Protein backbone atom coordinates (compact mmCIF):
# COMPACT_ATOMS: atom_id res chain seq x y z
CA UNK A 1 -48.32 20.04 -43.54
CA UNK A 2 -48.02 16.13 -42.65
CA UNK A 3 -47.47 15.64 -46.50
CA UNK A 4 -44.49 17.95 -46.57
CA UNK A 5 -42.74 16.16 -43.56
CA UNK A 6 -43.32 12.59 -45.14
CA UNK A 7 -42.03 13.96 -48.57
CA UNK A 8 -39.18 15.48 -46.95
CA UNK A 9 -38.30 12.32 -45.04
CA UNK A 10 -38.89 9.92 -48.02
CA UNK A 11 -36.81 12.39 -50.27
CA UNK A 12 -33.94 12.49 -47.60
CA UNK A 13 -34.00 8.71 -47.31
CA UNK A 14 -33.56 8.23 -51.07
CA UNK A 15 -30.95 10.95 -51.51
CA UNK A 16 -29.01 10.10 -48.55
CA UNK A 17 -28.84 6.41 -49.35
CA UNK A 18 -27.51 7.31 -52.85
CA UNK A 19 -24.90 9.73 -51.34
CA UNK A 20 -23.93 6.98 -48.72
CA UNK A 21 -23.22 4.65 -51.72
CA UNK A 22 -21.00 7.20 -53.16
CA UNK A 23 -19.34 8.15 -49.70
CA UNK A 24 -18.88 4.57 -48.46
CA UNK A 25 -18.60 2.35 -51.66
CA UNK A 26 -17.27 4.47 -54.71
CA UNK A 27 -14.76 6.89 -53.13
CA UNK A 28 -13.06 5.06 -50.33
CA UNK A 29 -13.69 1.35 -51.59
CA UNK A 30 -9.98 0.48 -51.93
CA UNK A 31 -9.39 1.89 -48.45
CA UNK A 32 -12.10 -0.11 -46.86
CA UNK A 33 -10.52 -3.34 -48.67
CA UNK A 34 -7.19 -2.47 -47.08
CA UNK A 35 -8.61 -2.20 -43.71
CA UNK A 36 -11.09 -5.24 -44.03
CA UNK A 37 -9.98 -6.49 -40.44
CA UNK A 38 -12.05 -3.24 -39.08
CA UNK A 39 -15.34 -3.95 -40.78
CA UNK A 40 -17.86 -6.79 -40.70
CA UNK A 41 -17.59 -9.07 -43.85
CA UNK A 42 -20.35 -7.85 -46.32
CA UNK A 43 -22.54 -10.80 -45.73
CA UNK A 44 -22.56 -9.87 -42.05
CA UNK A 45 -23.42 -6.26 -42.38
CA UNK A 46 -26.85 -5.14 -40.78
CA UNK A 47 -28.01 -3.24 -43.94
CA UNK A 48 -31.54 -3.20 -42.88
CA UNK A 49 -30.36 -1.40 -39.66
CA UNK A 50 -28.48 1.01 -41.69
CA UNK A 51 -31.65 1.81 -43.51
CA UNK A 52 -33.33 2.24 -40.17
CA UNK A 53 -30.59 4.73 -38.99
CA UNK A 54 -31.08 6.67 -42.30
CA UNK A 55 -34.76 7.08 -41.67
CA UNK A 56 -34.49 7.98 -38.06
CA UNK A 57 -31.75 10.50 -39.02
CA UNK A 58 -33.92 11.98 -42.03
CA UNK A 59 -37.01 12.16 -39.62
CA UNK A 60 -34.99 13.96 -36.87
CA UNK A 61 -33.27 16.36 -39.44
CA UNK A 62 -36.87 17.33 -40.88
CA UNK A 63 -38.47 17.78 -37.47
CA UNK A 64 -35.85 19.91 -36.32
CA UNK A 65 -36.00 22.17 -39.46
CA UNK A 66 -39.89 22.06 -39.71
CA UNK A 67 -40.47 22.66 -36.01
CA UNK A 68 -37.70 25.11 -34.91
CA UNK A 69 -37.05 27.24 -37.82
CA UNK A 70 -39.43 30.25 -38.29
CA UNK A 71 -38.00 31.20 -41.66
CA UNK A 72 -38.13 28.25 -43.98
CA UNK A 73 -36.48 28.98 -47.52
CA UNK A 74 -33.66 27.61 -49.59
CA UNK A 75 -31.09 29.87 -47.88
CA UNK A 76 -32.01 28.63 -44.43
CA UNK A 77 -32.09 25.18 -45.37
CA UNK A 78 -28.75 25.22 -46.85
CA UNK A 79 -27.27 27.01 -43.75
CA UNK A 80 -28.99 24.46 -41.56
CA UNK A 81 -27.74 21.55 -43.65
CA UNK A 82 -24.29 22.75 -43.80
CA UNK A 83 -24.10 23.37 -39.98
CA UNK A 84 -25.46 19.88 -39.32
CA UNK A 85 -23.09 18.46 -42.15
CA UNK A 86 -19.86 20.05 -40.66
CA UNK A 87 -20.75 19.11 -36.97
CA UNK A 88 -21.68 15.55 -38.03
CA UNK A 89 -18.96 15.17 -40.55
CA UNK A 90 -16.28 16.19 -38.06
CA UNK A 91 -17.57 14.20 -35.30
CA UNK A 92 -17.88 11.02 -37.65
CA UNK A 93 -14.85 11.27 -39.68
CA UNK A 94 -12.15 12.85 -37.37
CA UNK A 95 -13.66 11.32 -34.16
CA UNK A 96 -13.50 8.13 -35.67
CA UNK A 97 -9.83 8.71 -36.85
CA UNK A 98 -8.85 9.78 -33.34
CA UNK A 99 -9.83 6.27 -31.96
CA UNK A 100 -9.64 3.85 -34.90
CA UNK A 101 -6.76 2.81 -37.21
CA UNK A 102 -8.49 4.14 -40.29
CA UNK A 103 -6.73 5.75 -43.04
CA UNK A 104 -6.84 9.59 -43.12
CA UNK A 105 -8.63 9.48 -46.41
CA UNK A 106 -11.52 7.48 -45.06
CA UNK A 107 -11.97 10.19 -42.21
CA UNK A 108 -11.71 12.86 -44.68
CA UNK A 109 -14.25 11.12 -47.17
CA UNK A 110 -16.70 10.86 -44.20
CA UNK A 111 -16.16 14.52 -43.18
CA UNK A 112 -16.78 15.95 -46.70
CA UNK A 113 -19.49 13.41 -47.44
CA UNK A 114 -21.44 14.51 -44.35
CA UNK A 115 -21.19 18.09 -45.36
CA UNK A 116 -22.54 17.09 -48.86
CA UNK A 117 -25.29 15.10 -47.23
CA UNK A 118 -26.26 17.94 -44.99
CA UNK A 119 -26.20 20.61 -47.81
CA UNK A 120 -28.24 18.58 -50.11
CA UNK A 121 -30.49 17.54 -47.33
CA UNK A 122 -31.01 21.28 -46.31
CA UNK A 123 -31.65 22.36 -49.84
CA UNK A 124 -34.36 19.74 -50.05
CA UNK A 125 -36.00 20.89 -46.89
CA UNK A 126 -35.71 24.43 -48.06
CA UNK A 127 -37.55 23.56 -51.32
CA UNK A 128 -40.24 21.55 -49.42
CA UNK A 129 -40.97 23.88 -46.76
CA UNK A 130 -40.52 27.25 -48.62
CA UNK A 131 -43.42 29.47 -48.52
CA UNK A 132 -44.55 27.86 -45.29
CA UNK A 133 -47.28 30.31 -44.01
CA UNK A 134 -46.81 29.24 -40.46
CA UNK A 135 -49.72 26.81 -40.76
CA UNK A 136 -50.24 24.79 -37.70
CA UNK A 137 -49.58 21.00 -37.90
CA UNK A 138 -50.15 20.25 -34.21
């Protein structure tokens, strides 16, 4: 069972890192440049801390699914991921928009991007943990 958890965290880290590149570099790149005064210069960004954040989030996302969901399949994983994505995306995107002078398209990209990350992450967990016969990993 430990192998499933490690595989899930590693897979989420890779997939979420790729999606973060799309969500934060490819899509709103021009908007970030237009609001450069809000962000650290590229050379001062704490990239290693961002990777640490991704690993911690992937671990928590995996542990919540693995430990607290009795039925583990693709459908359950997708529902979990969508719920997570909507909640975190709404908070991240529109919560930031409420207090920071960011353009709406950045907030909207963060919102939809988190939904995508949650859905893909949930699908991955559903695939990795499906057919879990309830074996104990304690």
